[in-house]
PDB file of N, CA and C in Angstrom:
ATOM      1  N   MET A   1      16.009   8.080 -21.964  1.00  0.00           N
ATOM      2  CA  MET A   1      15.574   8.903 -20.752  1.00  0.00           C
ATOM      3  C   MET A   1      14.307   8.316 -20.174  1.00  0.00           C
ATOM      4  N   GLU A   2      13.309   7.903 -20.982  1.00  0.00           N
ATOM      5  CA  GLU A   2      12.017   7.390 -20.546  1.00  0.00           C
ATOM      6  C   GLU A   2      12.231   6.048 -19.832  1.00  0.00           C
ATOM      7  N   GLU A   3      13.143   5.217 -20.301  1.00  0.00           N
ATOM      8  CA  GLU A   3      13.465   3.940 -19.639  1.00  0.00           C
ATOM      9  C   GLU A   3      13.914   4.210 -18.213  1.00  0.00           C
ATOM     10  N   LYS A   4      14.839   5.154 -18.053  1.00  0.00           N
ATOM     11  CA  LYS A   4      15.303   5.525 -16.677  1.00  0.00           C
ATOM     12  C   LYS A   4      14.216   5.935 -15.698  1.00  0.00           C
ATOM     13  N   THR A   5      13.312   6.810 -16.297  1.00  0.00           N
ATOM     14  CA  THR A   5      12.224   7.225 -15.455  1.00  0.00           C
ATOM     15  C   THR A   5      11.301   6.099 -15.090  1.00  0.00           C
ATOM     16  N   ALA A   6      10.985   5.234 -16.093  1.00  0.00           N
ATOM     17  CA  ALA A   6      10.211   4.003 -15.805  1.00  0.00           C
ATOM     18  C   ALA A   6      10.879   3.213 -14.707  1.00  0.00           C
ATOM     19  N   THR A   7      12.135   2.996 -14.679  1.00  0.00           N
ATOM     20  CA  THR A   7      12.792   2.300 -13.717  1.00  0.00           C
ATOM     21  C   THR A   7      12.628   2.910 -12.350  1.00  0.00           C
ATOM     22  N   LYS A   8      12.843   4.260 -12.321  1.00  0.00           N
ATOM     23  CA  LYS A   8      12.618   4.933 -11.044  1.00  0.00           C
ATOM     24  C   LYS A   8      11.176   4.838 -10.461  1.00  0.00           C
ATOM     25  N   VAL A   9      10.340   4.865 -11.343  1.00  0.00           N
ATOM     26  CA  VAL A   9       8.826   4.723 -10.955  1.00  0.00           C
ATOM     27  C   VAL A   9       8.585   3.269 -10.341  1.00  0.00           C
ATOM     28  N   GLU A  10       9.158   2.267 -10.973  1.00  0.00           N
ATOM     29  CA  GLU A  10       9.026   0.975 -10.364  1.00  0.00           C
ATOM     30  C   GLU A  10       9.761   0.799  -9.110  1.00  0.00           C
ATOM     31  N   VAL A  11      10.921   1.393  -9.003  1.00  0.00           N
ATOM     32  CA  VAL A  11      11.669   1.345  -7.764  1.00  0.00           C
ATOM     33  C   VAL A  11      10.893   2.039  -6.600  1.00  0.00           C
ATOM     34  N   TRP A  12      10.311   3.290  -6.840  1.00  0.00           N
ATOM     35  CA  TRP A  12       9.565   3.969  -5.978  1.00  0.00           C
ATOM     36  C   TRP A  12       8.267   3.206  -5.676  1.00  0.00           C
ATOM     37  N   ARG A  13       7.568   2.674  -6.634  1.00  0.00           N
ATOM     38  CA  ARG A  13       6.399   1.913  -6.412  1.00  0.00           C
ATOM     39  C   ARG A  13       6.598   0.726  -5.404  1.00  0.00           C
ATOM     40  N   GLU A  14       7.650   0.115  -5.726  1.00  0.00           N
ATOM     41  CA  GLU A  14       7.987  -1.011  -4.696  1.00  0.00           C
ATOM     42  C   GLU A  14       8.418  -0.653  -3.408  1.00  0.00           C
ATOM     43  N   ARG A  15       9.141   0.504  -3.349  1.00  0.00           N
ATOM     44  CA  ARG A  15       9.660   0.996  -2.074  1.00  0.00           C
ATOM     45  C   ARG A  15       8.361   1.500  -1.241  1.00  0.00           C
ATOM     46  N   ILE A  16       7.441   2.197  -1.810  1.00  0.00           N
ATOM     47  CA  ILE A  16       6.341   2.577  -1.145  1.00  0.00           C
ATOM     48  C   ILE A  16       5.433   1.478  -0.689  1.00  0.00           C
ATOM     49  N   ALA A  17       5.316   0.475  -1.504  1.00  0.00           N
ATOM     50  CA  ALA A  17       4.591  -0.795  -1.106  1.00  0.00           C
ATOM     51  C   ALA A  17       5.264  -1.526   0.055  1.00  0.00           C
ATOM     52  N   GLU A  18       6.594  -1.476  -0.009  1.00  0.00           N
ATOM     53  CA  GLU A  18       7.446  -2.195   1.048  1.00  0.00           C
ATOM     54  C   GLU A  18       7.209  -1.320   2.405  1.00  0.00           C
ATOM     55  N   HIS A  19       7.138  -0.088   2.330  1.00  0.00           N
ATOM     56  CA  HIS A  19       6.788   0.705   3.536  1.00  0.00           C
ATOM     57  C   HIS A  19       5.450   0.255   4.097  1.00  0.00           C
ATOM     58  N   GLY A  20       4.459   0.144   3.134  1.00  0.00           N
ATOM     59  CA  GLY A  20       3.064  -0.204   3.599  1.00  0.00           C
ATOM     60  C   GLY A  20       3.063  -1.610   4.417  1.00  0.00           C
ATOM     61  N   ARG A  21       4.020  -2.457   4.030  1.00  0.00           N
ATOM     62  CA  ARG A  21       4.080  -3.760   4.719  1.00  0.00           C
ATOM     63  C   ARG A  21       4.963  -3.744   5.931  1.00  0.00           C
ATOM     64  N   SER A  22       5.791  -2.712   6.009  1.00  0.00           N
ATOM     65  CA  SER A  22       6.832  -2.682   7.108  1.00  0.00           C
ATOM     66  C   SER A  22       6.363  -2.470   8.515  1.00  0.00           C
ATOM     67  N   GLY A  23       5.194  -1.605   8.603  1.00  0.00           N
ATOM     68  CA  GLY A  23       4.740  -1.298   9.927  1.00  0.00           C
ATOM     69  C   GLY A  23       5.578  -0.177  10.747  1.00  0.00           C
ATOM     70  N   VAL A  24       6.487   0.412  10.124  1.00  0.00           N
ATOM     71  CA  VAL A  24       7.268   1.478  10.727  1.00  0.00           C
ATOM     72  C   VAL A  24       6.911   2.877  10.078  1.00  0.00           C
ATOM     73  N   SER A  25       7.341   3.884  10.844  1.00  0.00           N
ATOM     74  CA  SER A  25       7.015   5.235  10.320  1.00  0.00           C
ATOM     75  C   SER A  25       7.736   5.540   9.015  1.00  0.00           C
ATOM     76  N   VAL A  26       7.311   6.565   8.234  1.00  0.00           N
ATOM     77  CA  VAL A  26       7.839   6.950   7.166  1.00  0.00           C
ATOM     78  C   VAL A  26       9.288   7.482   7.455  1.00  0.00           C
ATOM     79  N   LYS A  27       9.405   8.189   8.490  1.00  0.00           N
ATOM     80  CA  LYS A  27      10.753   8.760   8.911  1.00  0.00           C
ATOM     81  C   LYS A  27      11.733   7.656   9.235  1.00  0.00           C
ATOM     82  N   GLN A  28      11.330   6.613   9.876  1.00  0.00           N
ATOM     83  CA  GLN A  28      12.287   5.457  10.274  1.00  0.00           C
ATOM     84  C   GLN A  28      12.589   4.644   8.981  1.00  0.00           C
ATOM     85  N   PHE A  29      11.545   4.385   8.104  1.00  0.00           N
ATOM     86  CA  PHE A  29      11.787   3.655   6.888  1.00  0.00           C
ATOM     87  C   PHE A  29      12.727   4.309   5.987  1.00  0.00           C
ATOM     88  N   CYS A  30      12.658   5.603   5.837  1.00  0.00           N
ATOM     89  CA  CYS A  30      13.492   6.420   4.908  1.00  0.00           C
ATOM     90  C   CYS A  30      14.920   6.475   5.501  1.00  0.00           C
ATOM     91  N   LYS A  31      15.031   6.515   6.737  1.00  0.00           N
ATOM     92  CA  LYS A  31      16.300   6.619   7.406  1.00  0.00           C
ATOM     93  C   LYS A  31      17.071   5.287   7.232  1.00  0.00           C
ATOM     94  N   GLU A  32      16.393   4.107   7.376  1.00  0.00           N
ATOM     95  CA  GLU A  32      16.978   2.773   7.178  1.00  0.00           C
ATOM     96  C   GLU A  32      17.382   2.580   5.793  1.00  0.00           C
ATOM     97  N   ARG A  33      16.674   3.242   4.834  1.00  0.00           N
ATOM     98  CA  ARG A  33      17.117   2.992   3.367  1.00  0.00           C
ATOM     99  C   ARG A  33      17.805   4.095   2.724  1.00  0.00           C
ATOM    100  N   GLY A  34      18.202   5.176   3.530  1.00  0.00           N
ATOM    101  CA  GLY A  34      19.093   6.206   3.068  1.00  0.00           C
ATOM    102  C   GLY A  34      18.361   7.132   2.016  1.00  0.00           C
ATOM    103  N   VAL A  35      17.066   7.368   2.099  1.00  0.00           N
ATOM    104  CA  VAL A  35      16.363   8.249   1.262  1.00  0.00           C
ATOM    105  C   VAL A  35      15.669   9.240   2.044  1.00  0.00           C
ATOM    106  N   SER A  36      15.365  10.384   1.504  1.00  0.00           N
ATOM    107  CA  SER A  36      14.697  11.440   2.256  1.00  0.00           C
ATOM    108  C   SER A  36      13.276  11.294   2.376  1.00  0.00           C
ATOM    109  N   ALA A  37      12.690  11.675   3.438  1.00  0.00           N
ATOM    110  CA  ALA A  37      11.247  11.576   3.636  1.00  0.00           C
ATOM    111  C   ALA A  37      10.572  12.556   2.609  1.00  0.00           C
ATOM    112  N   TRP A  38      11.194  13.657   2.175  1.00  0.00           N
ATOM    113  CA  TRP A  38      10.600  14.549   1.196  1.00  0.00           C
ATOM    114  C   TRP A  38      10.393  13.769  -0.113  1.00  0.00           C
ATOM    115  N   SER A  39      11.499  12.958  -0.586  1.00  0.00           N
ATOM    116  CA  SER A  39      11.367  12.275  -1.830  1.00  0.00           C
ATOM    117  C   SER A  39      10.335  11.200  -1.652  1.00  0.00           C
ATOM    118  N   PHE A  40      10.319  10.534  -0.454  1.00  0.00           N
ATOM    119  CA  PHE A  40       9.191   9.482  -0.332  1.00  0.00           C
ATOM    120  C   PHE A  40       7.772  10.119  -0.531  1.00  0.00           C
ATOM    121  N   TYR A  41       7.493  11.248   0.152  1.00  0.00           N
ATOM    122  CA  TYR A  41       6.104  11.836   0.058  1.00  0.00           C
ATOM    123  C   TYR A  41       5.914  12.259  -1.352  1.00  0.00           C
ATOM    124  N   CYS A  42       6.858  12.962  -1.963  1.00  0.00           N
ATOM    125  CA  CYS A  42       6.683  13.356  -3.366  1.00  0.00           C
ATOM    126  C   CYS A  42       6.392  12.222  -4.275  1.00  0.00           C
ATOM    127  N   TRP A  43       7.199  11.178  -4.181  1.00  0.00           N
ATOM    128  CA  TRP A  43       6.900   9.982  -4.994  1.00  0.00           C
ATOM    129  C   TRP A  43       5.585   9.334  -4.710  1.00  0.00           C
ATOM    130  N   ARG A  44       5.177   9.308  -3.493  1.00  0.00           N
ATOM    131  CA  ARG A  44       3.929   8.679  -3.146  1.00  0.00           C
ATOM    132  C   ARG A  44       2.699   9.478  -3.795  1.00  0.00           C
ATOM    133  N   LYS A  45       2.802  10.807  -3.664  1.00  0.00           N
ATOM    134  CA  LYS A  45       1.877  11.652  -4.187  1.00  0.00           C
ATOM    135  C   LYS A  45       1.875  11.518  -5.798  1.00  0.00           C
ATOM    136  N   ARG A  46       3.001  11.440  -6.365  1.00  0.00           N
ATOM    137  CA  ARG A  46       3.114  11.317  -7.895  1.00  0.00           C
ATOM    138  C   ARG A  46       2.431  10.025  -8.313  1.00  0.00           C
ATOM    139  N   LEU A  47       2.764   8.960  -7.579  1.00  0.00           N
ATOM    140  CA  LEU A  47       2.260   7.597  -8.026  1.00  0.00           C
ATOM    141  C   LEU A  47       0.655   7.590  -7.716  1.00  0.00           C
ATOM    142  N   ARG A  48       0.194   8.299  -6.688  1.00  0.00           N
ATOM    143  CA  ARG A  48      -1.264   8.265  -6.483  1.00  0.00           C
ATOM    144  C   ARG A  48      -1.976   8.930  -7.556  1.00  0.00           C
ATOM    145  N   GLU A  49      -1.285  10.062  -8.080  1.00  0.00           N
ATOM    146  CA  GLU A  49      -2.004  10.882  -9.180  1.00  0.00           C
ATOM    147  C   GLU A  49      -1.813  10.298 -10.545  1.00  0.00           C
ATOM    148  N   ALA A  50      -0.930   9.236 -10.636  1.00  0.00           N
ATOM    149  CA  ALA A  50      -0.507   8.729 -11.976  1.00  0.00           C
ATOM    150  C   ALA A  50      -1.726   8.005 -12.644  1.00  0.00           C
ATOM    151  N   GLY A  51      -2.633   7.533 -11.845  1.00  0.00           N
ATOM    152  CA  GLY A  51      -3.785   6.678 -12.512  1.00  0.00           C
ATOM    153  C   GLY A  51      -4.673   6.072 -11.523  1.00  0.00           C
ATOM    154  N   PRO A  52      -5.488   5.255 -11.943  1.00  0.00           N
ATOM    155  CA  PRO A  52      -6.512   4.639 -11.059  1.00  0.00           C
ATOM    156  C   PRO A  52      -5.782   3.727 -10.088  1.00  0.00           C
ATOM    157  N   VAL A  53      -6.426   3.476  -8.990  1.00  0.00           N
ATOM    158  CA  VAL A  53      -5.962   2.549  -7.906  1.00  0.00           C
ATOM    159  C   VAL A  53      -5.838   1.170  -8.567  1.00  0.00           C
ATOM    160  N   ARG A  54      -4.669   0.561  -8.309  1.00  0.00           N
ATOM    161  CA  ARG A  54      -4.423  -0.722  -8.831  1.00  0.00           C
ATOM    162  C   ARG A  54      -4.023  -1.611  -7.564  1.00  0.00           C
ATOM    163  N   PHE A  55      -4.491  -2.737  -7.384  1.00  0.00           N
ATOM    164  CA  PHE A  55      -4.083  -3.619  -6.254  1.00  0.00           C
ATOM    165  C   PHE A  55      -2.776  -4.263  -6.562  1.00  0.00           C
ATOM    166  N   ALA A  56      -1.947  -4.437  -5.561  1.00  0.00           N
ATOM    167  CA  ALA A  56      -0.751  -5.134  -5.663  1.00  0.00           C
ATOM    168  C   ALA A  56      -0.797  -6.400  -4.891  1.00  0.00           C
ATOM    169  N   LEU A  57       0.284  -6.785  -4.245  1.00  0.00           N
ATOM    170  CA  LEU A  57       0.362  -7.993  -3.595  1.00  0.00           C
ATOM    171  C   LEU A  57      -0.562  -8.116  -2.432  1.00  0.00           C
ATOM    172  N   ILE A  58      -1.259  -9.176  -2.235  1.00  0.00           N
ATOM    173  CA  ILE A  58      -2.101  -9.403  -1.118  1.00  0.00           C
ATOM    174  C   ILE A  58      -1.433 -10.509  -0.247  1.00  0.00           C
ATOM    175  N   GLU A  59      -1.164 -10.147   0.959  1.00  0.00           N
ATOM    176  CA  GLU A  59      -0.474 -11.138   1.817  1.00  0.00           C
ATOM    177  C   GLU A  59      -1.248 -11.536   2.988  1.00  0.00           C
ATOM    178  N   ARG A  60      -1.306 -12.791   3.313  1.00  0.00           N
ATOM    179  CA  ARG A  60      -2.023 -13.112   4.551  1.00  0.00           C
ATOM    180  C   ARG A  60      -0.867 -13.647   5.517  1.00  0.00           C
ATOM    181  N   GLY A  61      -0.835 -12.901   6.534  1.00  0.00           N
ATOM    182  CA  GLY A  61       0.225 -13.184   7.611  1.00  0.00           C
ATOM    183  C   GLY A  61       0.045 -14.432   8.314  1.00  0.00           C
ATOM    184  N   PRO A  62       0.965 -14.937   9.063  1.00  0.00           N
ATOM    185  CA  PRO A  62       0.892 -16.117   9.969  1.00  0.00           C
ATOM    186  C   PRO A  62      -0.285 -15.863  10.931  1.00  0.00           C
ATOM    187  N   GLY A  63      -0.862 -17.003  11.465  1.00  0.00           N
ATOM    188  CA  GLY A  63      -1.806 -16.880  12.484  1.00  0.00           C
ATOM    189  C   GLY A  63      -1.667 -15.940  13.506  1.00  0.00           C
ATOM    190  N   ARG A  64      -2.577 -15.129  13.944  1.00  0.00           N
ATOM    191  CA  ARG A  64      -2.372 -14.151  14.974  1.00  0.00           C
ATOM    192  C   ARG A  64      -3.055 -14.701  16.200  1.00  0.00           C
ATOM    193  N   GLN A  65      -2.666 -14.033  17.384  1.00  0.00           N
ATOM    194  CA  GLN A  65      -3.149 -14.451  18.661  1.00  0.00           C
ATOM    195  C   GLN A  65      -4.645 -13.881  18.903  1.00  0.00           C
ATOM    196  N   ASP A  66      -4.914 -12.727  18.372  1.00  0.00           N
ATOM    197  CA  ASP A  66      -6.194 -12.084  18.569  1.00  0.00           C
ATOM    198  C   ASP A  66      -7.244 -12.672  17.587  1.00  0.00           C
ATOM    199  N   SER A  67      -8.195 -13.341  18.176  1.00  0.00           N
ATOM    200  CA  SER A  67      -9.154 -14.040  17.244  1.00  0.00           C
ATOM    201  C   SER A  67      -9.917 -13.075  16.416  1.00  0.00           C
ATOM    202  N   SER A  68     -10.046 -11.785  16.865  1.00  0.00           N
ATOM    203  CA  SER A  68     -10.875 -10.825  16.053  1.00  0.00           C
ATOM    204  C   SER A  68     -10.059 -10.564  14.774  1.00  0.00           C
ATOM    205  N   LEU A  69      -8.834 -10.741  14.638  1.00  0.00           N
ATOM    206  CA  LEU A  69      -7.976 -10.406  13.485  1.00  0.00           C
ATOM    207  C   LEU A  69      -7.725 -11.625  12.572  1.00  0.00           C
ATOM    208  N   GLU A  70      -8.112 -12.776  13.084  1.00  0.00           N
ATOM    209  CA  GLU A  70      -7.771 -14.047  12.380  1.00  0.00           C
ATOM    210  C   GLU A  70      -8.413 -14.069  10.949  1.00  0.00           C
ATOM    211  N   ALA A  71      -9.651 -13.692  10.814  1.00  0.00           N
ATOM    212  CA  ALA A  71     -10.316 -13.838   9.482  1.00  0.00           C
ATOM    213  C   ALA A  71     -10.442 -12.525   8.783  1.00  0.00           C
ATOM    214  N   CYS A  72      -9.364 -11.694   8.716  1.00  0.00           N
ATOM    215  CA  CYS A  72      -9.386 -10.579   7.905  1.00  0.00           C
ATOM    216  C   CYS A  72      -8.473 -10.580   6.778  1.00  0.00           C
ATOM    217  N   LEU A  73      -8.799  -9.708   5.799  1.00  0.00           N
ATOM    218  CA  LEU A  73      -8.076  -9.648   4.538  1.00  0.00           C
ATOM    219  C   LEU A  73      -7.443  -8.197   4.473  1.00  0.00           C
ATOM    220  N   GLU A  74      -6.218  -8.029   4.137  1.00  0.00           N
ATOM    221  CA  GLU A  74      -5.548  -6.739   4.106  1.00  0.00           C
ATOM    222  C   GLU A  74      -4.832  -6.559   2.785  1.00  0.00           C
ATOM    223  N   PRO A  75      -5.591  -6.100   1.697  1.00  0.00           N
ATOM    224  CA  PRO A  75      -4.926  -5.852   0.414  1.00  0.00           C
ATOM    225  C   PRO A  75      -4.014  -4.718   0.547  1.00  0.00           C
ATOM    226  N   VAL A  76      -2.829  -4.733  -0.123  1.00  0.00           N
ATOM    227  CA  VAL A  76      -1.908  -3.605  -0.080  1.00  0.00           C
ATOM    228  C   VAL A  76      -2.007  -2.980  -1.474  1.00  0.00           C
ATOM    229  N   LEU A  77      -2.329  -1.748  -1.524  1.00  0.00           N
ATOM    230  CA  LEU A  77      -2.414  -1.017  -2.799  1.00  0.00           C
ATOM    231  C   LEU A  77      -1.077  -0.691  -3.390  1.00  0.00           C
ATOM    232  N   ALA A  78      -1.012  -0.436  -4.665  1.00  0.00           N
ATOM    233  CA  ALA A  78       0.223  -0.171  -5.407  1.00  0.00           C
ATOM    234  C   ALA A  78       0.855   1.061  -4.737  1.00  0.00           C
ATOM    235  N   SER A  79       0.122   1.953  -4.249  1.00  0.00           N
ATOM    236  CA  SER A  79       0.646   3.104  -3.553  1.00  0.00           C
ATOM    237  C   SER A  79       1.382   2.849  -2.253  1.00  0.00           C
ATOM    238  N   GLY A  80       1.203   1.528  -1.804  1.00  0.00           N
ATOM    239  CA  GLY A  80       1.807   1.254  -0.465  1.00  0.00           C
ATOM    240  C   GLY A  80       0.740   1.270   0.705  1.00  0.00           C
ATOM    241  N   GLU A  81      -0.374   1.860   0.455  1.00  0.00           N
ATOM    242  CA  GLU A  81      -1.395   1.824   1.463  1.00  0.00           C
ATOM    243  C   GLU A  81      -2.128   0.475   1.595  1.00  0.00           C
ATOM    244  N   SER A  82      -2.610   0.268   2.744  1.00  0.00           N
ATOM    245  CA  SER A  82      -3.277  -1.079   2.885  1.00  0.00           C
ATOM    246  C   SER A  82      -4.751  -0.788   3.386  1.00  0.00           C
ATOM    247  N   LEU A  83      -5.518  -1.786   3.212  1.00  0.00           N
ATOM    248  CA  LEU A  83      -7.032  -1.669   3.576  1.00  0.00           C
ATOM    249  C   LEU A  83      -7.247  -2.931   4.308  1.00  0.00           C
ATOM    250  N   ARG A  84      -7.556  -2.736   5.657  1.00  0.00           N
ATOM    251  CA  ARG A  84      -7.851  -4.058   6.449  1.00  0.00           C
ATOM    252  C   ARG A  84      -9.409  -4.312   6.450  1.00  0.00           C
ATOM    253  N   ILE A  85      -9.796  -5.457   5.803  1.00  0.00           N
ATOM    254  CA  ILE A  85     -11.193  -5.821   5.874  1.00  0.00           C
ATOM    255  C   ILE A  85     -11.470  -6.956   6.791  1.00  0.00           C
ATOM    256  N   ALA A  86     -12.228  -6.630   7.787  1.00  0.00           N
ATOM    257  CA  ALA A  86     -12.572  -7.565   8.825  1.00  0.00           C
ATOM    258  C   ALA A  86     -13.618  -8.634   8.358  1.00  0.00           C
ATOM    259  N   SER A  87     -13.470  -9.764   8.994  1.00  0.00           N
ATOM    260  CA  SER A  87     -14.459 -10.825   8.569  1.00  0.00           C
ATOM    261  C   SER A  87     -15.861 -10.262   9.064  1.00  0.00           C
ATOM    262  N   GLY A  88     -16.839 -10.728   8.384  1.00  0.00           N
ATOM    263  CA  GLY A  88     -18.171 -10.444   8.714  1.00  0.00           C
ATOM    264  C   GLY A  88     -18.624  -9.049   8.198  1.00  0.00           C
ATOM    265  N   ILE A  89     -17.858  -8.445   7.279  1.00  0.00           N
ATOM    266  CA  ILE A  89     -18.228  -7.094   6.728  1.00  0.00           C
ATOM    267  C   ILE A  89     -19.398  -7.320   5.764  1.00  0.00           C
ATOM    268  N   ASP A  90     -20.305  -6.427   5.791  1.00  0.00           N
ATOM    269  CA  ASP A  90     -21.510  -6.390   4.980  1.00  0.00           C
ATOM    270  C   ASP A  90     -21.083  -6.326   3.452  1.00  0.00           C
ATOM    271  N   SER A  91     -21.646  -7.156   2.690  1.00  0.00           N
ATOM    272  CA  SER A  91     -21.275  -7.111   1.305  1.00  0.00           C
ATOM    273  C   SER A  91     -21.494  -5.815   0.617  1.00  0.00           C
ATOM    274  N   GLY A  92     -22.608  -5.144   1.014  1.00  0.00           N
ATOM    275  CA  GLY A  92     -22.943  -3.758   0.393  1.00  0.00           C
ATOM    276  C   GLY A  92     -21.898  -2.745   0.782  1.00  0.00           C
ATOM    277  N   THR A  93     -21.491  -2.795   2.049  1.00  0.00           N
ATOM    278  CA  THR A  93     -20.394  -1.857   2.491  1.00  0.00           C
ATOM    279  C   THR A  93     -19.026  -2.107   1.747  1.00  0.00           C
ATOM    280  N   LEU A  94     -18.641  -3.330   1.578  1.00  0.00           N
ATOM    281  CA  LEU A  94     -17.460  -3.741   0.823  1.00  0.00           C
ATOM    282  C   LEU A  94     -17.561  -3.277  -0.622  1.00  0.00           C
ATOM    283  N   ARG A  95     -18.728  -3.484  -1.208  1.00  0.00           N
ATOM    284  CA  ARG A  95     -18.930  -3.133  -2.644  1.00  0.00           C
ATOM    285  C   ARG A  95     -18.879  -1.563  -2.740  1.00  0.00           C
ATOM    286  N   THR A  96     -19.349  -0.796  -1.884  1.00  0.00           N
ATOM    287  CA  THR A  96     -19.314   0.673  -1.847  1.00  0.00           C
ATOM    288  C   THR A  96     -17.852   1.136  -1.734  1.00  0.00           C
ATOM    289  N   VAL A  97     -17.103   0.533  -0.801  1.00  0.00           N
ATOM    290  CA  VAL A  97     -15.564   0.844  -0.666  1.00  0.00           C
ATOM    291  C   VAL A  97     -14.840   0.466  -1.847  1.00  0.00           C
ATOM    292  N   LEU A  98     -15.078  -0.635  -2.480  1.00  0.00           N
ATOM    293  CA  LEU A  98     -14.382  -0.976  -3.603  1.00  0.00           C
ATOM    294  C   LEU A  98     -14.660  -0.081  -4.865  1.00  0.00           C
ATOM    295  N   GLU A  99     -15.938   0.309  -4.902  1.00  0.00           N
ATOM    296  CA  GLU A  99     -16.314   1.302  -6.016  1.00  0.00           C
ATOM    297  C   GLU A  99     -15.645   2.691  -5.722  1.00  0.00           C
ATOM    298  N   ALA A 100     -15.541   3.088  -4.535  1.00  0.00           N
ATOM    299  CA  ALA A 100     -14.820   4.265  -4.248  1.00  0.00           C
ATOM    300  C   ALA A 100     -13.337   4.251  -4.614  1.00  0.00           C
ATOM    301  N   LEU A 101     -12.761   3.187  -4.354  1.00  0.00           N
ATOM    302  CA  LEU A 101     -11.291   3.039  -4.771  1.00  0.00           C
ATOM    303  C   LEU A 101     -11.140   2.972  -6.190  1.00  0.00           C
ATOM    304  N   ARG A 102     -12.008   2.426  -6.908  1.00  0.00           N
ATOM    305  CA  ARG A 102     -11.953   2.444  -8.358  1.00  0.00           C
ATOM    306  C   ARG A 102     -12.195   3.691  -9.058  1.00  0.00           C
ATOM    307  N   GLY A 103     -13.052   4.497  -8.346  1.00  0.00           N
ATOM    308  CA  GLY A 103     -13.544   5.772  -8.940  1.00  0.00           C
ATOM    309  C   GLY A 103     -12.443   6.653  -9.291  1.00  0.00           C
TER     310      GLY A 103
END
């Protein structure tokens, strides 16, 4: 039974991360994948409460037209949330944010 639960956890962790990268609403994302928004929100909450924040895949998209976005970093958290870090951020501010995420 634990193996089946572990598999569900991994499926939902990836599903939530995929939503974070998709750029669509939760409602649309769930409709396209045939899952309920209620299940999505329950699993997202469950995974957030499961432990410390862990970073997942970091993707750098193709060059963008807007020069203000060209030099930014956007890590995607295991929960599916992302954090956009603009170029030129003060190192102290970045350190504070990262400490809060680890907290």
